[in-house]
Structures are given as structure tokens and as C-alpha cells.
Amino acid sequence: MANDKRFTFKYLGDFMEAINFTPKELRKTMWTAALILLLLIFAWKLPEIISAIK
């Protein structure tokens, strides 16, 4: 049981190296996802916004 953690972390490190995903790319991906979500919410609420303005 004691070697399970080392085994898991070893393969986690191999996986991270294999995908070569940097924190900068992660931040860019998260901001992109956040902007897409914001645009979807805005598009969903747009009829309410338009009717409130009239």
C-alpha cells in the first residue's frame, strides 16, 4: 500500500509531460471557457434585456 502514492505520482508526472500543458496555457484555456460561458449567458438573457429597454 505504501508504494501506491509513488506509483500514482510517477504516472501523473509522465502524463503531464506527455501532454506538455503549461500553467500559461491552462490560464488561457480557462479564460476562453469563461468568456464563452459569459457570451452564452448574455445571448440567453438578450430577449429580457431588449424587452426591459422598450
C-alpha atoms as a PDB file:
ATOM      1  CA  MET A   1       0.000   0.000   0.000  1.00  0.00           C
ATOM      2  CA  ALA A   2       2.871   2.400   0.733  1.00  0.00           C
ATOM      3  CA  ASN A   3       4.074   2.349  -2.872  1.00  0.00           C
ATOM      4  CA  ASP A   4       0.659   3.255  -4.317  1.00  0.00           C
ATOM      5  CA  LYS A   5       1.183   7.008  -3.937  1.00  0.00           C
ATOM      6  CA  ARG A   6       4.598   6.958  -5.573  1.00  0.00           C
ATOM      7  CA  PHE A   7       3.199   4.856  -8.400  1.00  0.00           C
ATOM      8  CA  THR A   8       0.314   7.291  -8.944  1.00  0.00           C
ATOM      9  CA  PHE A   9       2.510  10.397  -8.801  1.00  0.00           C
ATOM     10  CA  LYS A  10       5.025   8.838 -11.180  1.00  0.00           C
ATOM     11  CA  TYR A  11       2.345   8.286 -13.792  1.00  0.00           C
ATOM     12  CA  LEU A  12       0.792  11.691 -13.130  1.00  0.00           C
ATOM     13  CA  GLY A  13       4.183  13.263 -13.906  1.00  0.00           C
ATOM     14  CA  ASP A  14       4.519  11.183 -17.064  1.00  0.00           C
ATOM     15  CA  PHE A  15       1.038  12.242 -18.134  1.00  0.00           C
ATOM     16  CA  MET A  16       1.764  15.940 -17.534  1.00  0.00           C
ATOM     17  CA  GLU A  17       4.973  15.675 -19.548  1.00  0.00           C
ATOM     18  CA  ALA A  18       3.198  13.802 -22.328  1.00  0.00           C
ATOM     19  CA  ILE A  19       0.545  16.475 -22.806  1.00  0.00           C
ATOM     20  CA  ASN A  20       3.096  19.264 -22.141  1.00  0.00           C
ATOM     21  CA  PHE A  21       0.449  21.569 -20.660  1.00  0.00           C
ATOM     22  CA  THR A  22       1.877  24.711 -19.064  1.00  0.00           C
ATOM     23  CA  PRO A  23       0.133  26.889 -16.460  1.00  0.00           C
ATOM     24  CA  LYS A  24       0.046  29.732 -19.006  1.00  0.00           C
ATOM     25  CA  GLU A  25      -1.912  27.541 -21.432  1.00  0.00           C
ATOM     26  CA  LEU A  26      -4.222  26.473 -18.601  1.00  0.00           C
ATOM     27  CA  ARG A  27      -4.980  30.098 -17.727  1.00  0.00           C
ATOM     28  CA  LYS A  28      -5.641  30.905 -21.392  1.00  0.00           C
ATOM     29  CA  THR A  29      -7.973  27.912 -21.717  1.00  0.00           C
ATOM     30  CA  MET A  30      -9.868  28.824 -18.540  1.00  0.00           C
ATOM     31  CA  TRP A  31     -10.320  32.455 -19.630  1.00  0.00           C
ATOM     32  CA  THR A  32     -11.554  31.277 -23.025  1.00  0.00           C
ATOM     33  CA  ALA A  33     -14.075  28.964 -21.360  1.00  0.00           C
ATOM     34  CA  ALA A  34     -15.196  31.782 -19.052  1.00  0.00           C
ATOM     35  CA  LEU A  35     -15.718  34.164 -21.986  1.00  0.00           C
ATOM     36  CA  ILE A  36     -17.702  31.572 -23.935  1.00  0.00           C
ATOM     37  CA  LEU A  37     -19.889  30.966 -20.880  1.00  0.00           C
ATOM     38  CA  LEU A  38     -20.409  34.722 -20.455  1.00  0.00           C
ATOM     39  CA  LEU A  39     -21.440  35.083 -24.105  1.00  0.00           C
ATOM     40  CA  LEU A  40     -23.884  32.177 -23.800  1.00  0.00           C
ATOM     41  CA  ILE A  41     -25.480  33.725 -20.711  1.00  0.00           C
ATOM     42  CA  PHE A  42     -25.702  37.088 -22.458  1.00  0.00           C
ATOM     43  CA  ALA A  43     -27.323  35.519 -25.526  1.00  0.00           C
ATOM     44  CA  TRP A  44     -29.781  33.651 -23.270  1.00  0.00           C
ATOM     45  CA  LYS A  45     -30.767  36.876 -21.437  1.00  0.00           C
ATOM     46  CA  LEU A  46     -30.794  39.122 -24.512  1.00  0.00           C
ATOM     47  CA  PRO A  47     -34.601  38.981 -25.127  1.00  0.00           C
ATOM     48  CA  GLU A  48     -35.215  40.018 -21.494  1.00  0.00           C
ATOM     49  CA  ILE A  49     -32.734  42.877 -21.818  1.00  0.00           C
ATOM     50  CA  ILE A  50     -34.340  44.091 -25.040  1.00  0.00           C
ATOM     51  CA  SER A  51     -37.860  43.940 -23.598  1.00  0.00           C
ATOM     52  CA  ALA A  52     -36.713  45.829 -20.479  1.00  0.00           C
ATOM     53  CA  ILE A  53     -35.294  48.634 -22.625  1.00  0.00           C
ATOM     54  CA  LYS A  54     -38.544  49.061 -24.579  1.00  0.00           C
END
